[in-house]
Amino acid sequence: FGWDGIYDALDHHACHAHYAFYGQSIPPEYWDDVLILTADALGDRRDWSASTVNSDGTLNRVEDGSGNSVARIYRFVTLILGMKPNEHEYKVMGLSAYSKSAKHIAATEQVFYDILDFRGGQFVRNKPLKESYFDLKDRLEGHRFDNIAAALQNWATGVTRSWVSYWLKRTDKSRLCFSGGLSMNIK
C-alpha cells in the first residue's frame, strides 16, 4: 500500500490474549488469579497459548503449542457439512441441538475422541488424522449431519473443558479469560 514506515509485527496468540484480558474490566486485586487461554485453528504456527497476568498488568506467556487441533477439526467438519469454513461454524453449533439420538451421537463422538483427546496434561491421538480433511470425511461417512454436529459440539466442549481444567490446576488460578476462534464455538 505504499507504506515504508516502521511497523511492529505482533504475535497472533498474544493479540488474542490481550483482547481476552484487556477486553474485560477485571480489578487489579484479582489479576494474580487470572489464567488466559487462547485457541484457534492456527496462528503464527501455534494453535494455543496459556498466559498469566503480572502485578503490573502485563501478560506473561507460560506456554504455547500446536497440539490443540480442536478448532481445525471444527473447521473441517463445517466444510464437510457443506458450509463455509471460518465463517459458518456458528451454524454447526446451532445444528447440534437437532439430533436426539444419544446412541448415534455417542458413536460419532467416538470418531472425534479417537482423533484427539486431552488426558493427563497431553493431547492424545489414538487414531490421528492422516491427511486431515479427506481422512475425517471418510471417517464420518454414513453418519447423519445432525449427529455429526451434535457429536462435534460435545467433543469440542469436552476436550476443551479437560484442557482448561488442567491449566487452571497447573497455574493454580480460578479466573479464566478465553479467546481465539475456538472460544466462539464452546458453550
Protein backbone atom coordinates (compact mmCIF):
# COMPACT_ATOMS: atom_id res chain seq x y z
CA PHE A 1 0.00 0.00 0.00
CA GLY A 2 2.98 2.26 -0.33
CA TRP A 3 3.80 2.29 3.38
CA ASP A 4 7.52 2.42 4.04
CA GLY A 5 7.41 3.45 7.68
CA ILE A 6 8.20 1.45 10.77
CA TYR A 7 5.81 -1.28 11.84
CA ASP A 8 5.60 -3.82 14.62
CA ALA A 9 4.87 -7.48 13.97
CA LEU A 10 2.52 -8.74 16.68
CA ASP A 11 2.22 -12.35 17.80
CA HIS A 12 -1.14 -13.82 16.84
CA HIS A 13 -1.89 -15.51 20.17
CA ALA A 14 -0.54 -12.56 22.15
CA CYS A 15 -3.19 -10.45 20.41
CA HIS A 16 -5.90 -12.97 21.37
CA ALA A 17 -4.61 -13.00 24.98
CA HIS A 18 -4.52 -9.21 25.25
CA TYR A 19 -8.04 -8.98 23.88
CA ALA A 20 -9.27 -11.63 26.32
CA PHE A 21 -7.76 -9.87 29.32
CA TYR A 22 -7.97 -6.18 28.50
CA GLY A 23 -11.41 -6.54 26.90
CA GLN A 24 -12.78 -7.16 30.39
CA SER A 25 -12.73 -4.93 33.43
CA ILE A 26 -11.03 -7.21 35.92
CA PRO A 27 -9.98 -5.26 39.02
CA PRO A 28 -6.23 -5.35 39.74
CA GLU A 29 -6.76 -7.18 43.03
CA TYR A 30 -7.81 -10.26 41.01
CA TRP A 31 -5.03 -10.21 38.42
CA ASP A 32 -2.89 -12.75 40.26
CA ASP A 33 -5.75 -15.25 39.94
CA VAL A 34 -6.29 -14.92 36.15
CA LEU A 35 -5.40 -17.51 33.53
CA ILE A 36 -5.67 -16.51 29.88
CA LEU A 37 -6.06 -19.28 27.32
CA THR A 38 -6.22 -18.84 23.57
CA ALA A 39 -7.10 -21.46 20.98
CA ASP A 40 -7.78 -21.37 17.26
CA ALA A 41 -7.08 -23.32 14.09
CA LEU A 42 -3.59 -21.85 13.68
CA GLY A 43 -1.83 -18.53 14.07
CA ASP A 44 1.91 -17.92 13.90
CA ARG A 45 2.49 -21.71 13.77
CA ARG A 46 0.66 -22.30 17.06
CA ASP A 47 -2.94 -23.14 17.91
CA TRP A 48 -2.99 -22.40 21.64
CA SER A 49 -1.36 -20.41 24.40
CA ALA A 50 -1.55 -20.06 28.18
CA SER A 51 -0.69 -16.81 29.93
CA THR A 52 -0.93 -15.26 33.37
CA VAL A 53 -1.01 -11.63 34.48
CA ASN A 54 1.87 -9.91 36.24
CA SER A 55 1.23 -7.49 39.11
CA ASP A 56 1.80 -4.54 36.76
CA GLY A 57 -0.92 -5.78 34.39
CA THR A 58 1.41 -7.13 31.71
CA LEU A 59 0.89 -10.62 30.39
CA ASN A 60 3.29 -13.50 30.94
CA ARG A 61 3.23 -16.32 28.39
CA VAL A 62 3.51 -19.57 30.34
CA GLU A 63 3.41 -21.95 27.40
CA ASP A 64 2.09 -22.36 23.89
CA GLY A 65 1.98 -25.08 21.29
CA SER A 66 0.43 -26.64 18.24
CA GLY A 67 -1.21 -29.79 19.58
CA ASN A 68 -4.73 -28.43 20.12
CA SER A 69 -6.37 -29.09 16.76
CA VAL A 70 -9.97 -28.86 18.03
CA ALA A 71 -10.65 -25.66 16.06
CA ARG A 72 -9.05 -27.08 12.91
CA ILE A 73 -11.24 -30.19 13.13
CA TYR A 74 -14.28 -27.97 13.75
CA ARG A 75 -13.39 -26.07 10.57
CA PHE A 76 -13.07 -29.30 8.56
CA VAL A 77 -16.47 -30.51 9.77
CA THR A 78 -18.01 -27.18 8.78
CA LEU A 79 -16.75 -27.81 5.25
CA ILE A 80 -17.79 -31.49 5.29
CA LEU A 81 -21.32 -30.39 6.20
CA GLY A 82 -21.37 -28.10 3.15
CA MET A 83 -20.84 -24.78 4.88
CA LYS A 84 -18.18 -22.11 4.60
CA PRO A 85 -15.20 -22.72 6.94
CA ASN A 86 -14.05 -19.83 9.16
CA GLU A 87 -17.47 -18.26 8.79
CA HIS A 88 -20.32 -20.73 9.30
CA GLU A 89 -19.15 -22.60 12.40
CA TYR A 90 -21.99 -20.96 14.30
CA LYS A 91 -24.41 -22.81 12.01
CA VAL A 92 -22.84 -26.12 13.01
CA MET A 93 -23.29 -25.11 16.67
CA GLY A 94 -26.95 -24.36 16.01
CA LEU A 95 -27.43 -27.59 14.10
CA SER A 96 -26.00 -29.59 17.00
CA ALA A 97 -29.22 -29.18 19.01
CA TYR A 98 -31.37 -31.04 16.47
CA SER A 99 -30.16 -34.61 16.98
CA LYS A 100 -31.95 -36.53 19.71
CA SER A 101 -30.32 -39.95 19.20
CA ALA A 102 -27.89 -40.43 22.07
CA LYS A 103 -26.71 -43.74 20.60
CA HIS A 104 -25.78 -42.22 17.23
CA ILE A 105 -24.25 -39.11 18.78
CA ALA A 106 -22.06 -41.29 21.03
CA ALA A 107 -20.88 -43.38 18.06
CA THR A 108 -19.95 -40.23 16.14
CA GLU A 109 -18.32 -38.66 19.19
CA GLN A 110 -16.04 -41.69 19.41
CA VAL A 111 -14.74 -40.86 15.91
CA PHE A 112 -13.63 -37.47 17.23
CA TYR A 113 -12.22 -38.77 20.53
CA ASP A 114 -10.14 -41.32 18.58
CA ILE A 115 -8.65 -38.40 16.63
CA LEU A 116 -7.96 -36.14 19.61
CA ASP A 117 -8.48 -36.09 23.36
CA PHE A 118 -6.82 -34.35 26.28
CA ARG A 119 -5.70 -36.53 29.19
CA GLY A 120 -3.02 -36.18 31.81
CA GLY A 121 -1.88 -32.80 30.56
CA GLN A 122 -1.34 -34.01 26.99
CA PHE A 123 -3.23 -34.02 23.73
CA VAL A 124 -3.71 -37.69 22.89
CA ARG A 125 -4.28 -39.12 19.41
CA ASN A 126 -5.36 -42.76 19.40
CA LYS A 127 -6.06 -42.74 15.66
CA PRO A 128 -4.60 -39.48 14.32
CA LEU A 129 -5.83 -37.98 11.08
CA LYS A 130 -3.59 -38.91 8.17
CA GLU A 131 -4.44 -36.23 5.67
CA SER A 132 -6.83 -34.17 7.74
CA TYR A 133 -9.90 -33.19 5.73
CA PHE A 134 -10.20 -36.25 3.46
CA ASP A 135 -9.43 -38.71 6.23
CA LEU A 136 -12.01 -37.07 8.51
CA LYS A 137 -14.57 -37.04 5.70
CA ASP A 138 -14.05 -40.79 5.20
CA ARG A 139 -14.38 -41.49 8.94
CA LEU A 140 -17.68 -39.57 9.09
CA GLU A 141 -19.14 -41.32 6.04
CA GLY A 142 -22.51 -42.82 6.93
CA HIS A 143 -23.06 -40.60 9.97
CA ARG A 144 -26.05 -38.24 9.75
CA PHE A 145 -25.37 -34.50 9.57
CA ASP A 146 -27.26 -33.69 12.80
CA ASN A 147 -25.42 -36.42 14.72
CA ILE A 148 -22.11 -35.15 13.34
CA ALA A 149 -22.89 -31.60 14.52
CA ALA A 150 -24.04 -32.78 17.97
CA ALA A 151 -21.05 -35.08 18.42
CA LEU A 152 -18.64 -32.39 17.26
CA GLN A 153 -20.10 -29.92 19.76
CA ASN A 154 -20.00 -32.42 22.63
CA TRP A 155 -16.46 -33.50 21.78
CA ALA A 156 -15.11 -29.95 21.27
CA THR A 157 -16.62 -28.87 24.58
CA GLY A 158 -15.36 -32.00 26.39
CA VAL A 159 -11.77 -31.76 25.14
CA THR A 160 -11.67 -28.02 25.78
CA ARG A 161 -13.12 -28.48 29.30
CA SER A 162 -10.39 -31.02 30.12
CA TRP A 163 -7.70 -28.74 28.70
CA VAL A 164 -8.98 -25.69 30.61
CA SER A 165 -9.29 -27.66 33.87
CA TYR A 166 -5.71 -28.87 33.51
CA TRP A 167 -4.38 -25.35 33.03
CA LEU A 168 -6.45 -23.88 35.87
CA LYS A 169 -4.99 -26.54 38.20
CA ARG A 170 -1.46 -26.27 36.82
CA THR A 171 -1.34 -22.49 37.29
CA ASP A 172 -3.44 -22.55 40.50
CA LYS A 173 -5.82 -19.95 39.03
CA SER A 174 -9.59 -19.74 39.31
CA ARG A 175 -10.47 -16.92 36.87
CA LEU A 176 -10.36 -17.64 33.16
CA CYS A 177 -10.18 -15.39 30.12
CA PHE A 178 -10.56 -17.34 26.86
CA SER A 179 -10.14 -16.01 23.33
CA GLY A 180 -9.43 -17.13 19.78
CA GLY A 181 -11.64 -18.79 17.22
CA LEU A 182 -12.34 -21.87 19.32
CA SER A 183 -13.73 -19.74 22.14
CA MET A 184 -16.62 -18.77 19.89
CA ASN A 185 -17.63 -22.43 19.42
CA ILE A 186 -17.62 -23.56 23.05
CA LYS A 187 -20.56 -23.13 25.41
